[in-house]
């Protein structure tokens, strides 16, 4: 199971695109409510106790890698920024 997570980390690191739609699909696949990370966190309870530490670290590494990739590829104009409103009186 940990080997599967390492392959997913490699997939996330290798992912590259210029398409905003592809970035969003990647985000949903890895970080979405029904995504891979949700499934892996749910399967955590089935992992033998002696493997929980390594399994948890691998999942957290995958989550960090996927989030960093999305943040890197998503243009700043599409991130949620709050800009002050300028009112003219």
C-alpha atoms as a PDB file:
ATOM      1  CA  UNK A   1       0.000   0.000   0.000  1.00  0.00           C
ATOM      2  CA  UNK A   2       2.853   2.400   0.817  1.00  0.00           C
ATOM      3  CA  UNK A   3       4.410   1.604  -2.568  1.00  0.00           C
ATOM      4  CA  UNK A   4       1.139   2.712  -4.191  1.00  0.00           C
ATOM      5  CA  UNK A   5       1.332   6.023  -2.333  1.00  0.00           C
ATOM      6  CA  UNK A   6       4.928   6.530  -3.490  1.00  0.00           C
ATOM      7  CA  UNK A   7       3.804   5.965  -7.096  1.00  0.00           C
ATOM      8  CA  UNK A   8       1.069   8.569  -6.606  1.00  0.00           C
ATOM      9  CA  UNK A   9       3.674  11.003  -5.242  1.00  0.00           C
ATOM     10  CA  UNK A  10       5.787  10.429  -8.361  1.00  0.00           C
ATOM     11  CA  UNK A  11       2.699  11.006 -10.522  1.00  0.00           C
ATOM     12  CA  UNK A  12       1.936  14.255  -8.688  1.00  0.00           C
ATOM     13  CA  UNK A  13       5.534  15.468  -9.003  1.00  0.00           C
ATOM     14  CA  UNK A  14       5.623  14.678 -12.735  1.00  0.00           C
ATOM     15  CA  UNK A  15       2.275  16.345 -13.498  1.00  0.00           C
ATOM     16  CA  UNK A  16       2.604  19.466 -15.634  1.00  0.00           C
ATOM     17  CA  UNK A  17       0.126  21.383 -17.744  1.00  0.00           C
ATOM     18  CA  UNK A  18      -0.789  24.831 -18.983  1.00  0.00           C
ATOM     19  CA  UNK A  19      -4.515  24.116 -18.898  1.00  0.00           C
ATOM     20  CA  UNK A  20      -6.527  25.416 -15.957  1.00  0.00           C
ATOM     21  CA  UNK A  21      -9.031  22.595 -16.561  1.00  0.00           C
ATOM     22  CA  UNK A  22      -6.287  19.981 -16.206  1.00  0.00           C
ATOM     23  CA  UNK A  23      -5.064  21.592 -12.989  1.00  0.00           C
ATOM     24  CA  UNK A  24      -8.603  21.515 -11.597  1.00  0.00           C
ATOM     25  CA  UNK A  25      -9.033  17.868 -12.629  1.00  0.00           C
ATOM     26  CA  UNK A  26      -5.733  17.047 -10.903  1.00  0.00           C
ATOM     27  CA  UNK A  27      -6.856  18.909  -7.768  1.00  0.00           C
ATOM     28  CA  UNK A  28     -10.151  17.034  -7.670  1.00  0.00           C
ATOM     29  CA  UNK A  29      -8.459  13.671  -8.327  1.00  0.00           C
ATOM     30  CA  UNK A  30      -5.991  14.079  -5.476  1.00  0.00           C
ATOM     31  CA  UNK A  31      -7.496  16.599  -3.053  1.00  0.00           C
ATOM     32  CA  UNK A  32     -11.232  16.463  -3.705  1.00  0.00           C
ATOM     33  CA  UNK A  33     -13.841  15.220  -1.251  1.00  0.00           C
ATOM     34  CA  UNK A  34     -14.068  11.919  -3.145  1.00  0.00           C
ATOM     35  CA  UNK A  35     -10.424  11.984  -4.197  1.00  0.00           C
ATOM     36  CA  UNK A  36      -7.474   9.700  -3.641  1.00  0.00           C
ATOM     37  CA  UNK A  37      -6.377  11.304  -0.378  1.00  0.00           C
ATOM     38  CA  UNK A  38      -9.816  10.929   1.162  1.00  0.00           C
ATOM     39  CA  UNK A  39      -9.779   7.232   0.259  1.00  0.00           C
ATOM     40  CA  UNK A  40      -6.272   6.780   1.662  1.00  0.00           C
ATOM     41  CA  UNK A  41      -7.122   8.539   4.926  1.00  0.00           C
ATOM     42  CA  UNK A  42     -10.230   6.339   5.223  1.00  0.00           C
ATOM     43  CA  UNK A  43      -8.129   3.198   4.710  1.00  0.00           C
ATOM     44  CA  UNK A  44      -5.712   4.295   7.462  1.00  0.00           C
ATOM     45  CA  UNK A  45      -7.716   2.411  10.092  1.00  0.00           C
ATOM     46  CA  UNK A  46      -7.088  -0.865   8.231  1.00  0.00           C
ATOM     47  CA  UNK A  47      -3.296  -0.459   8.267  1.00  0.00           C
ATOM     48  CA  UNK A  48      -1.439  -2.650  10.783  1.00  0.00           C
ATOM     49  CA  UNK A  49      -0.191  -0.680  13.812  1.00  0.00           C
ATOM     50  CA  UNK A  50       3.466  -1.210  12.951  1.00  0.00           C
ATOM     51  CA  UNK A  51       2.941   0.424   9.536  1.00  0.00           C
ATOM     52  CA  UNK A  52       0.752   3.360  10.621  1.00  0.00           C
ATOM     53  CA  UNK A  53       3.641   5.797  11.108  1.00  0.00           C
ATOM     54  CA  UNK A  54       5.116   5.185   7.639  1.00  0.00           C
ATOM     55  CA  UNK A  55       1.680   5.101   6.035  1.00  0.00           C
ATOM     56  CA  UNK A  56       0.654   8.383   7.683  1.00  0.00           C
ATOM     57  CA  UNK A  57       3.892  10.088   6.681  1.00  0.00           C
ATOM     58  CA  UNK A  58       3.478   8.889   3.089  1.00  0.00           C
ATOM     59  CA  UNK A  59      -0.108  10.184   2.924  1.00  0.00           C
ATOM     60  CA  UNK A  60       0.930  13.560   4.341  1.00  0.00           C
ATOM     61  CA  UNK A  61       3.794  13.739   1.849  1.00  0.00           C
ATOM     62  CA  UNK A  62       1.371  13.018  -0.997  1.00  0.00           C
ATOM     63  CA  UNK A  63      -1.024  15.686   0.257  1.00  0.00           C
ATOM     64  CA  UNK A  64       1.763  18.292   0.486  1.00  0.00           C
ATOM     65  CA  UNK A  65       3.115  17.391  -2.946  1.00  0.00           C
ATOM     66  CA  UNK A  66      -0.310  17.569  -4.607  1.00  0.00           C
ATOM     67  CA  UNK A  67      -1.195  20.881  -2.913  1.00  0.00           C
ATOM     68  CA  UNK A  68       2.151  22.435  -3.866  1.00  0.00           C
ATOM     69  CA  UNK A  69       1.700  21.295  -7.480  1.00  0.00           C
ATOM     70  CA  UNK A  70      -1.776  22.832  -7.668  1.00  0.00           C
ATOM     71  CA  UNK A  71      -0.533  26.085  -6.123  1.00  0.00           C
ATOM     72  CA  UNK A  72       2.383  26.201  -8.544  1.00  0.00           C
ATOM     73  CA  UNK A  73       0.337  25.537 -11.681  1.00  0.00           C
ATOM     74  CA  UNK A  74      -2.750  27.571 -10.841  1.00  0.00           C
ATOM     75  CA  UNK A  75      -2.353  31.163 -12.011  1.00  0.00           C
ATOM     76  CA  UNK A  76      -2.443  33.799  -9.282  1.00  0.00           C
ATOM     77  CA  UNK A  77      -5.496  35.406 -10.872  1.00  0.00           C
ATOM     78  CA  UNK A  78      -7.512  32.265 -10.121  1.00  0.00           C
ATOM     79  CA  UNK A  79      -6.545  31.916  -6.490  1.00  0.00           C
ATOM     80  CA  UNK A  80      -8.840  33.264  -3.844  1.00  0.00           C
ATOM     81  CA  UNK A  81      -7.506  36.719  -3.140  1.00  0.00           C
ATOM     82  CA  UNK A  82      -9.354  39.391  -1.250  1.00  0.00           C
ATOM     83  CA  UNK A  83      -8.593  42.778  -2.655  1.00  0.00           C
ATOM     84  CA  UNK A  84      -9.686  46.001  -1.003  1.00  0.00           C
ATOM     85  CA  UNK A  85     -12.602  47.735  -2.642  1.00  0.00           C
ATOM     86  CA  UNK A  86     -11.985  51.294  -3.748  1.00  0.00           C
ATOM     87  CA  UNK A  87     -15.018  53.496  -3.368  1.00  0.00           C
ATOM     88  CA  UNK A  88     -15.247  56.871  -4.971  1.00  0.00           C
ATOM     89  CA  UNK A  89     -17.388  59.399  -3.173  1.00  0.00           C
END
